[in-house]
Amino acid sequence: MKIKTEGLSGLFKSACRQLLTPRRLKYFPRCRALFHSRSGLEIGGPSEIFGSQGEIPVYAIAARIDNCNFSGQTIWEGSISEGQTFSFNSNKQPGRQYLVEAGDLQGIEDDTYDFVLSSHCLEHLANPLQGLSEWIRVLKPGGTIVLVVPHKEGTFDHRRPVTTLEHMIEDLDNHVSEADLTHLDEILKLHDLSRDPGAGDFQSFQERSKQNLQNRCLHHHVFETRLAVEVVNYMKLQILTVEFLPPYHIVVIARKPTTSQVVNNDQLLGE
């Protein structure tokens, strides 16, 4: 009886430890120094995944983080204002809040930041490669980008086909703007509203979707891990790690090469 009790007690303590210990990206201990006491820019956010209890706890160790958002009023953040107003950690001074498009970071000089963070933002961009090109522009050579995108199978996109890299390249070449609604019919047909209770009924979802330029709720593009890797490789970034974090986070951490570095992601691409 004593053995059984101790066994149950041990299981309980183990379960408590798992609940109290935040889940972490496996690679994070190896890349922690890339963010410690450094300055970065987050596109969208703030994001729980980068918080002290998150899987990639950058906020707690960074020196400063600025932020970019498309509007002073969003569904996710509510009302925000420009200036030193981006609160990413209660123990640190707020970073600068920019109200600019993610694909046009006007007012931010080239090679400004040590790192760029983006969690569940890229899928909301009509022209994701244009967005990434801007994020890379403001990143210092040798700087780090953390890209988190949703895996379709864990989201309301699971019925939709995965976007191709070729399609994204066409969007870039055609200078597609955020007013684009190319994917609207597909979204209205295949979006799983049972996994998106905040969208309301179909009529409400349809009306909101038609106003996407104002609210940016649509997932223009649909990701699986392979596509995320292809996109980062196309942008000529050296991939450090690719991890899947349940229930739906695809995480890619990559570095902007210096002039002397050669990018090679063939092993991840199976080439």
Protein backbone atom coordinates (compact mmCIF):
# COMPACT_ATOMS: atom_id res chain seq x y z
CA MET A 1 0.00 0.00 0.00
CA LYS A 2 2.88 2.32 0.83
CA ILE A 3 4.49 1.66 -2.55
CA LYS A 4 1.25 2.41 -4.37
CA THR A 5 0.79 5.65 -2.43
CA GLU A 6 4.32 6.80 -3.16
CA GLY A 7 3.83 5.86 -6.79
CA LEU A 8 0.68 7.95 -7.07
CA SER A 9 2.39 10.79 -5.20
CA GLY A 10 5.29 10.65 -7.62
CA LEU A 11 2.95 10.78 -10.59
CA PHE A 12 1.14 13.75 -9.06
CA LYS A 13 4.40 15.62 -8.44
CA SER A 14 5.56 14.87 -11.98
CA ALA A 15 2.28 16.16 -13.38
CA CYS A 16 2.57 19.33 -11.29
CA ARG A 17 6.11 19.92 -12.51
CA GLN A 18 4.92 19.62 -16.10
CA LEU A 19 2.11 22.09 -15.46
CA LEU A 20 4.36 24.56 -13.66
CA THR A 21 7.32 24.28 -16.03
CA PRO A 22 6.77 26.23 -19.25
CA ARG A 23 7.19 24.29 -22.46
CA ARG A 24 10.22 25.54 -24.38
CA LEU A 25 11.45 25.39 -27.94
CA LYS A 26 14.13 22.68 -27.91
CA TYR A 27 16.60 24.90 -29.74
CA PHE A 28 16.11 27.92 -27.47
CA PRO A 29 19.05 27.26 -25.09
CA ARG A 30 21.35 27.19 -28.12
CA CYS A 31 20.11 30.48 -29.57
CA ARG A 32 19.43 32.40 -26.35
CA ALA A 33 22.55 34.53 -26.77
CA LEU A 34 21.20 35.87 -30.07
CA PHE A 35 18.53 37.77 -28.11
CA HIS A 36 20.12 38.40 -24.71
CA SER A 37 20.71 42.14 -24.10
CA ARG A 38 19.97 42.85 -27.77
CA SER A 39 17.43 45.03 -29.56
CA GLY A 40 14.70 43.75 -31.82
CA LEU A 41 11.51 44.48 -33.71
CA GLU A 42 8.30 42.48 -33.46
CA ILE A 43 5.83 42.46 -36.33
CA GLY A 44 2.38 42.36 -34.73
CA GLY A 45 2.01 41.28 -31.14
CA PRO A 46 2.70 41.31 -28.28
CA SER A 47 2.66 37.52 -28.47
CA GLU A 48 2.34 35.00 -25.64
CA ILE A 49 4.82 32.69 -27.32
CA PHE A 50 7.61 35.25 -26.70
CA GLY A 51 6.56 35.99 -23.10
CA SER A 52 8.25 34.65 -19.96
CA GLN A 53 5.91 31.64 -19.89
CA GLY A 54 6.04 31.14 -23.64
CA GLU A 55 7.87 28.61 -25.74
CA ILE A 56 10.38 31.20 -27.04
CA PRO A 57 10.80 33.60 -24.07
CA VAL A 58 12.63 36.45 -25.78
CA TYR A 59 10.87 39.34 -24.02
CA ALA A 60 12.50 38.61 -20.67
CA ILE A 61 16.07 38.64 -21.97
CA ALA A 62 16.05 41.30 -24.70
CA ALA A 63 17.32 44.80 -24.00
CA ARG A 64 14.61 46.49 -26.08
CA ILE A 65 11.85 45.47 -28.47
CA ASP A 66 10.06 47.85 -30.81
CA ASN A 67 6.85 46.95 -32.60
CA CYS A 68 5.10 47.38 -35.92
CA ASN A 69 1.33 47.23 -36.38
CA PHE A 70 -0.81 48.19 -39.36
CA SER A 71 -3.33 50.33 -37.45
CA GLY A 72 -4.05 52.12 -34.21
CA GLN A 73 -7.12 49.91 -33.75
CA THR A 74 -7.01 46.14 -34.24
CA ILE A 75 -9.14 43.14 -33.31
CA TRP A 76 -6.24 41.64 -31.37
CA GLU A 77 -4.68 44.60 -29.53
CA GLY A 78 -7.57 47.05 -29.34
CA SER A 79 -6.43 50.68 -29.32
CA ILE A 80 -2.70 51.41 -29.67
CA SER A 81 -0.73 54.59 -30.33
CA GLU A 82 2.63 55.50 -31.84
CA GLY A 83 5.61 56.40 -29.70
CA GLN A 84 7.25 54.68 -26.73
CA THR A 85 4.14 52.64 -25.96
CA PHE A 86 4.95 49.01 -26.79
CA SER A 87 4.92 47.19 -23.46
CA PHE A 88 6.54 43.78 -23.91
CA ASN A 89 7.76 43.17 -20.35
CA SER A 90 6.61 44.79 -17.10
CA ASN A 91 10.20 45.06 -15.86
CA LYS A 92 11.48 46.96 -18.90
CA GLN A 93 10.93 50.29 -20.58
CA PRO A 94 8.39 50.16 -23.41
CA GLY A 95 9.71 49.94 -26.95
CA ARG A 96 8.74 52.20 -29.81
CA GLN A 97 5.40 51.52 -31.48
CA TYR A 98 5.28 52.05 -35.24
CA LEU A 99 1.95 52.21 -37.07
CA VAL A 100 3.05 51.09 -40.53
CA GLU A 101 2.40 48.22 -42.91
CA ALA A 102 4.39 45.05 -42.26
CA GLY A 103 5.40 45.13 -45.91
CA ASP A 104 6.51 48.77 -45.86
CA LEU A 105 8.48 49.63 -42.73
CA GLN A 106 8.83 53.29 -43.60
CA GLY A 107 10.79 55.28 -41.08
CA ILE A 108 13.01 52.37 -40.05
CA GLU A 109 16.54 52.43 -41.44
CA ASP A 110 18.36 49.47 -42.96
CA ASP A 111 20.33 47.15 -40.64
CA THR A 112 18.76 48.53 -37.45
CA TYR A 113 17.88 45.48 -35.35
CA ASP A 114 19.68 42.46 -33.94
CA PHE A 115 16.55 40.34 -34.34
CA VAL A 116 13.03 40.38 -35.78
CA LEU A 117 10.11 38.45 -34.29
CA SER A 118 6.87 37.46 -36.00
CA SER A 119 4.21 35.14 -34.62
CA HIS A 120 1.13 34.36 -36.69
CA CYS A 121 1.47 37.45 -38.83
CA LEU A 122 2.85 36.26 -42.17
CA GLU A 123 -0.32 34.36 -43.09
CA HIS A 124 -2.27 37.62 -42.77
CA LEU A 125 -0.15 39.35 -45.43
CA ALA A 126 -1.42 39.39 -49.01
CA ASN A 127 2.20 39.67 -50.16
CA PRO A 128 4.28 37.68 -47.65
CA LEU A 129 7.58 37.79 -49.54
CA GLN A 130 7.36 41.58 -49.71
CA GLY A 131 6.81 41.58 -45.97
CA LEU A 132 9.79 39.33 -45.36
CA SER A 133 11.99 41.46 -47.61
CA GLU A 134 11.24 44.47 -45.40
CA TRP A 135 11.87 42.55 -42.19
CA ILE A 136 15.20 41.40 -43.57
CA ARG A 137 16.06 44.93 -44.70
CA VAL A 138 15.84 46.31 -41.15
CA LEU A 139 17.78 43.34 -39.73
CA LYS A 140 21.53 43.67 -39.23
CA PRO A 141 23.81 41.31 -41.17
CA GLY A 142 24.18 38.26 -38.96
CA GLY A 143 20.90 39.13 -37.24
CA THR A 144 18.20 36.62 -36.34
CA ILE A 145 14.61 36.24 -37.48
CA VAL A 146 12.05 34.15 -35.61
CA LEU A 147 9.12 33.22 -37.80
CA VAL A 148 6.06 31.45 -36.38
CA VAL A 149 3.27 30.45 -38.77
CA PRO A 150 0.24 28.18 -38.26
CA HIS A 151 0.26 24.60 -39.54
CA LYS A 152 -2.99 24.17 -41.46
CA GLU A 153 -3.92 20.88 -39.77
CA GLY A 154 -4.26 22.54 -36.37
CA THR A 155 -6.36 25.49 -37.52
CA PHE A 156 -9.52 26.50 -39.34
CA ASP A 157 -7.49 26.31 -42.57
CA HIS A 158 -7.27 22.51 -42.52
CA ARG A 159 -9.68 22.10 -45.46
CA ARG A 160 -7.76 24.51 -47.69
CA PRO A 161 -4.91 23.54 -50.03
CA VAL A 162 -1.39 24.50 -49.03
CA THR A 163 -0.19 27.60 -50.86
CA THR A 164 2.73 27.14 -53.24
CA LEU A 165 5.95 29.12 -53.15
CA GLU A 166 5.38 29.90 -56.83
CA HIS A 167 2.11 31.63 -55.96
CA MET A 168 3.86 33.80 -53.37
CA ILE A 169 6.56 34.70 -55.90
CA GLU A 170 3.83 35.77 -58.33
CA ASP A 171 2.30 37.96 -55.62
CA LEU A 172 5.70 39.58 -55.12
CA ASP A 173 6.30 40.09 -58.84
CA ASN A 174 2.79 41.51 -59.31
CA HIS A 175 3.17 43.93 -56.37
CA VAL A 176 0.00 42.57 -54.75
CA SER A 177 -1.35 44.98 -52.11
CA GLU A 178 -3.17 44.38 -48.85
CA ALA A 179 -6.45 45.22 -50.61
CA ASP A 180 -6.18 41.92 -52.51
CA LEU A 181 -9.05 39.43 -52.06
CA THR A 182 -7.86 36.73 -54.45
CA HIS A 183 -8.40 33.99 -51.88
CA LEU A 184 -11.76 35.19 -50.56
CA ASP A 185 -13.95 32.68 -52.43
CA GLU A 186 -11.76 29.78 -51.31
CA ILE A 187 -11.79 31.01 -47.72
CA LEU A 188 -15.57 31.41 -47.62
CA LYS A 189 -16.01 27.91 -49.03
CA LEU A 190 -13.44 26.02 -46.95
CA HIS A 191 -12.91 27.96 -43.70
CA ASP A 192 -13.94 25.75 -40.76
CA LEU A 193 -16.08 28.03 -38.60
CA SER A 194 -16.36 25.33 -35.94
CA ARG A 195 -12.67 26.01 -35.19
CA ASP A 196 -13.10 29.79 -35.26
CA PRO A 197 -15.86 30.71 -32.79
CA GLY A 198 -14.78 34.34 -32.70
CA ALA A 199 -15.81 34.72 -36.34
CA GLY A 200 -19.49 34.17 -35.53
CA ASP A 201 -21.92 32.68 -38.04
CA PHE A 202 -21.28 32.48 -41.77
CA GLN A 203 -22.94 35.79 -42.58
CA SER A 204 -20.89 37.62 -39.94
CA PHE A 205 -17.73 35.93 -41.15
CA GLN A 206 -18.49 36.83 -44.76
CA GLU A 207 -19.06 40.49 -43.93
CA ARG A 208 -15.90 40.69 -41.84
CA SER A 209 -13.89 39.01 -44.58
CA LYS A 210 -15.03 41.51 -47.19
CA GLN A 211 -13.66 44.27 -44.94
CA ASN A 212 -10.24 42.65 -44.66
CA LEU A 213 -8.32 45.78 -45.60
CA GLN A 214 -9.65 47.33 -42.41
CA ASN A 215 -9.38 44.34 -40.06
CA ARG A 216 -6.67 42.02 -41.59
CA CYS A 217 -8.31 38.87 -40.23
CA LEU A 218 -7.98 36.72 -43.35
CA HIS A 219 -5.36 34.02 -43.69
CA HIS A 220 -4.40 34.73 -47.30
CA HIS A 221 -1.98 31.81 -47.45
CA VAL A 222 -1.94 28.32 -45.96
CA PHE A 223 1.19 26.72 -44.48
CA GLU A 224 2.70 23.35 -43.81
CA THR A 225 6.28 22.94 -42.58
CA ARG A 226 7.75 22.36 -46.03
CA LEU A 227 6.35 25.64 -47.35
CA ALA A 228 7.68 27.58 -44.35
CA VAL A 229 11.16 26.20 -45.05
CA GLU A 230 10.88 26.96 -48.78
CA VAL A 231 9.85 30.55 -48.09
CA VAL A 232 12.73 31.23 -45.70
CA ASN A 233 15.19 29.59 -48.06
CA TYR A 234 13.89 31.64 -50.99
CA MET A 235 14.60 34.79 -48.97
CA LYS A 236 18.24 33.65 -48.70
CA LEU A 237 18.30 33.21 -44.94
CA GLN A 238 20.37 30.54 -43.20
CA ILE A 239 17.99 28.32 -41.26
CA LEU A 240 19.16 27.42 -37.74
CA THR A 241 16.20 25.28 -36.69
CA VAL A 242 12.71 24.21 -37.71
CA GLU A 243 10.38 22.90 -35.01
CA PHE A 244 6.70 22.09 -34.71
CA LEU A 245 5.06 23.08 -31.43
CA PRO A 246 1.58 21.62 -30.89
CA PRO A 247 -1.15 22.40 -31.50
CA TYR A 248 -0.25 24.45 -34.61
CA HIS A 249 2.99 26.45 -34.38
CA ILE A 250 5.62 26.02 -37.10
CA VAL A 251 8.76 27.77 -35.84
CA VAL A 252 11.64 28.70 -38.12
CA ILE A 253 14.68 30.50 -36.71
CA ALA A 254 17.12 31.82 -39.30
CA ARG A 255 19.95 34.33 -39.71
CA LYS A 256 20.61 37.04 -42.25
CA PRO A 257 23.99 36.21 -43.79
CA THR A 258 26.92 38.57 -43.69
CA THR A 259 28.54 39.43 -47.01
CA SER A 260 31.05 36.59 -46.61
CA GLN A 261 28.55 33.86 -45.71
CA VAL A 262 26.99 31.39 -48.14
CA VAL A 263 23.46 30.17 -47.39
CA ASN A 264 22.88 26.43 -47.69
CA ASN A 265 19.62 24.87 -46.54
CA ASP A 266 19.80 21.82 -48.81
CA GLN A 267 19.66 19.35 -45.94
CA LEU A 268 16.31 20.73 -44.78
CA LEU A 269 14.97 20.82 -48.32
CA GLY A 270 16.08 17.27 -49.04
CA GLU A 271 18.27 18.36 -51.93
